[in-house]
N, C-alpha and C. Protein backbone atom coordinates (compact mmCIF):
# COMPACT_ATOMS: atom_id res chain seq x y z
N MET A 1 1.63 -32.91 22.09
CA MET A 1 2.59 -34.50 21.78
C MET A 1 3.61 -35.00 22.31
N LEU A 2 4.11 -36.00 22.45
CA LEU A 2 4.74 -36.93 23.46
C LEU A 2 6.13 -37.08 22.81
N ALA A 3 6.80 -36.27 22.84
CA ALA A 3 8.47 -36.97 22.32
C ALA A 3 9.33 -37.65 23.33
N LYS A 4 10.29 -38.38 22.88
CA LYS A 4 11.09 -39.16 23.83
C LYS A 4 12.56 -38.56 23.31
N TYR A 5 13.08 -38.51 24.39
CA TYR A 5 15.01 -38.02 24.65
C TYR A 5 15.02 -39.21 25.02
N TYR A 6 17.17 -39.33 24.56
CA TYR A 6 18.13 -39.54 25.62
C TYR A 6 18.39 -38.71 26.40
N THR A 7 18.74 -39.22 27.56
CA THR A 7 19.16 -38.11 28.48
C THR A 7 20.35 -38.44 29.11
N ARG A 8 21.85 -37.97 29.29
CA ARG A 8 22.36 -38.19 30.02
C ARG A 8 23.10 -36.77 30.97
N PHE A 9 22.95 -37.34 32.55
CA PHE A 9 23.24 -36.68 33.69
C PHE A 9 23.80 -36.47 34.86
N LEU A 10 24.30 -35.13 35.57
CA LEU A 10 24.65 -35.39 36.81
C LEU A 10 23.90 -35.16 38.12
N LEU A 11 23.69 -35.70 38.53
CA LEU A 11 22.75 -35.11 40.25
C LEU A 11 23.71 -35.60 41.05
N ARG A 12 24.23 -33.84 41.46
CA ARG A 12 24.62 -33.75 42.73
C ARG A 12 23.97 -34.31 44.34
N SER A 13 25.27 -34.55 44.67
CA SER A 13 24.37 -34.57 46.93
C SER A 13 24.50 -33.44 47.26
N ALA A 14 24.84 -33.53 48.66
CA ALA A 14 25.12 -32.48 49.36
C ALA A 14 26.64 -32.31 49.61
N GLU A 15 27.37 -33.07 48.82
CA GLU A 15 28.80 -33.39 49.43
C GLU A 15 29.21 -32.85 48.47
N GLU A 16 29.99 -32.29 48.61
CA GLU A 16 30.55 -31.09 46.68
C GLU A 16 31.17 -32.12 45.77
N GLU A 17 32.06 -32.93 46.22
CA GLU A 17 32.95 -33.99 45.07
C GLU A 17 31.58 -35.26 44.38
N TYR A 18 30.61 -35.49 44.90
CA TYR A 18 30.08 -36.19 45.11
C TYR A 18 28.87 -35.90 44.06
N ALA A 19 28.64 -36.74 42.84
CA ALA A 19 27.51 -37.53 42.19
C ALA A 19 26.75 -38.65 41.41
N ASP A 20 25.92 -38.41 41.53
CA ASP A 20 25.33 -40.43 40.36
C ASP A 20 24.96 -39.61 38.99
N GLU A 21 25.29 -40.34 38.38
CA GLU A 21 25.17 -40.44 36.95
C GLU A 21 24.16 -40.48 36.23
N TYR A 22 23.08 -40.88 35.64
CA TYR A 22 22.13 -41.29 35.09
C TYR A 22 21.73 -40.62 34.22
N SER A 23 21.47 -41.76 32.75
CA SER A 23 21.12 -42.68 31.74
C SER A 23 19.55 -42.74 31.49
N GLY A 24 18.79 -42.19 30.31
CA GLY A 24 17.74 -42.98 30.34
C GLY A 24 16.64 -42.38 29.02
N VAL A 25 15.69 -42.96 29.01
CA VAL A 25 14.72 -42.21 27.85
C VAL A 25 13.66 -41.06 29.10
N VAL A 26 14.14 -39.78 28.12
CA VAL A 26 12.91 -39.00 29.25
C VAL A 26 12.03 -38.95 27.86
N GLU A 27 11.03 -39.01 28.73
CA GLU A 27 9.17 -38.39 27.90
C GLU A 27 9.44 -36.73 28.07
N LEU A 28 8.18 -36.19 26.94
CA LEU A 28 7.75 -34.98 27.33
C LEU A 28 6.71 -34.73 26.42
N ASN A 29 5.89 -34.40 27.41
CA ASN A 29 4.32 -33.96 26.61
C ASN A 29 4.91 -32.33 26.38
N HIS A 30 5.44 -31.73 24.59
CA HIS A 30 5.43 -30.60 24.61
C HIS A 30 5.43 -30.48 22.72
N ASP A 31 5.89 -29.31 22.19
CA ASP A 31 5.33 -29.03 21.19
C ASP A 31 7.13 -29.45 20.66
N ASN A 32 6.53 -30.43 19.51
CA ASN A 32 7.63 -31.08 18.98
C ASN A 32 8.50 -29.82 17.90
N GLY A 33 8.54 -29.20 17.95
CA GLY A 33 8.18 -28.27 16.74
C GLY A 33 9.44 -27.12 17.52
N ARG A 34 9.39 -26.95 18.78
CA ARG A 34 10.36 -26.16 19.99
C ARG A 34 11.25 -27.38 20.34
N LEU A 35 12.91 -25.90 20.24
CA LEU A 35 13.70 -26.85 20.89
C LEU A 35 14.27 -26.68 22.20
N LEU A 36 14.31 -26.85 23.46
CA LEU A 36 14.05 -26.79 24.48
C LEU A 36 15.69 -26.51 25.06
N ASP A 37 16.27 -25.29 25.83
CA ASP A 37 17.62 -24.83 25.92
C ASP A 37 18.12 -25.97 26.96
N PRO A 38 18.80 -25.79 27.28
CA PRO A 38 19.73 -26.98 27.96
C PRO A 38 19.17 -26.34 29.90
N THR A 39 19.28 -25.15 30.29
CA THR A 39 18.59 -25.01 31.37
C THR A 39 17.05 -25.18 31.93
N GLU A 40 16.18 -25.58 30.51
CA GLU A 40 14.96 -25.89 30.81
C GLU A 40 15.03 -27.36 31.09
N ILE A 41 15.97 -27.98 30.23
CA ILE A 41 16.04 -29.20 30.49
C ILE A 41 16.08 -29.43 31.92
N GLU A 42 17.31 -28.57 32.85
CA GLU A 42 18.06 -29.61 33.76
C GLU A 42 16.97 -28.51 34.64
N ALA A 43 16.19 -27.94 34.56
CA ALA A 43 15.37 -27.97 35.56
C ALA A 43 13.83 -28.61 35.69
N LEU A 44 13.66 -29.29 34.00
CA LEU A 44 12.59 -30.25 34.33
C LEU A 44 13.13 -31.48 34.75
N LEU A 45 15.21 -31.63 34.90
CA LEU A 45 15.35 -32.79 35.77
C LEU A 45 14.67 -33.00 37.35
N ALA A 46 15.39 -31.76 37.37
CA ALA A 46 15.35 -31.84 39.36
C ALA A 46 14.55 -31.50 39.48
N ASP A 47 13.57 -30.90 39.06
CA ASP A 47 11.93 -31.05 39.22
C ASP A 47 11.51 -32.18 39.75
N ASN A 48 11.69 -32.95 38.44
CA ASN A 48 11.19 -34.57 38.76
C ASN A 48 12.29 -35.54 39.91
N PHE A 49 13.04 -34.47 39.98
CA PHE A 49 13.59 -35.44 41.00
C PHE A 49 13.77 -34.08 42.96
N GLN A 50 12.94 -33.59 42.67
CA GLN A 50 12.62 -32.96 43.90
C GLN A 50 13.90 -32.03 44.35
N ARG A 51 14.83 -31.33 43.66
CA ARG A 51 15.99 -31.07 43.89
C ARG A 51 16.21 -29.45 43.56
N GLU A 52 16.84 -29.14 43.73
CA GLU A 52 17.81 -27.47 42.72
C GLU A 52 18.30 -27.36 41.68
N ILE A 53 17.68 -26.70 40.90
CA ILE A 53 18.81 -27.02 39.80
C ILE A 53 20.41 -26.80 39.64
N GLU A 54 21.10 -26.49 40.14
CA GLU A 54 21.95 -26.39 40.83
C GLU A 54 22.50 -28.06 40.91
N ASP A 55 22.25 -28.82 41.42
CA ASP A 55 22.66 -30.48 41.26
C ASP A 55 22.44 -30.85 40.25
N VAL A 56 22.10 -30.37 39.34
CA VAL A 56 21.64 -31.01 37.82
C VAL A 56 22.71 -30.22 37.19
N GLU A 57 23.57 -31.26 36.10
CA GLU A 57 24.37 -31.04 34.70
C GLU A 57 24.01 -31.66 34.02
N LEU A 58 23.42 -31.71 32.61
CA LEU A 58 22.91 -31.40 31.70
C LEU A 58 24.48 -32.10 30.92
N LEU A 59 24.54 -33.81 30.18
CA LEU A 59 25.29 -33.90 29.77
C LEU A 59 25.54 -34.94 28.33
N ASN A 60 24.31 -35.49 28.52
CA ASN A 60 23.85 -35.06 26.99
C ASN A 60 22.61 -34.75 26.73
N TRP A 61 21.82 -35.14 25.83
CA TRP A 61 20.43 -35.38 25.68
C TRP A 61 20.33 -34.72 23.48
N SER A 62 19.69 -35.77 22.97
CA SER A 62 19.87 -36.13 21.78
C SER A 62 17.79 -36.49 22.21
N ARG A 63 16.71 -36.59 21.23
CA ARG A 63 16.08 -36.81 19.98
C ARG A 63 15.36 -37.84 19.55
N LEU A 64 15.03 -39.19 19.94
CA LEU A 64 14.65 -40.50 19.93
C LEU A 64 13.78 -40.43 18.85
N HIS A 65 13.96 -40.65 17.28
CA HIS A 65 13.28 -40.49 16.63
C HIS A 65 12.35 -42.34 16.25
């Protein structure tokens, strides 16, 4: 089932002190009863941007109703 979440995260570049901040709605096709761990969310975001998980820092994640 499709679930919508509001997310806010940092995506770091090769330069250590530089990061872009993103926010918006993310749709996931997963079991709604299952809570995702922050590391799983960061891994999903990293995969989506074709980056390493270390490049992503989750700031906020909440389910939209």
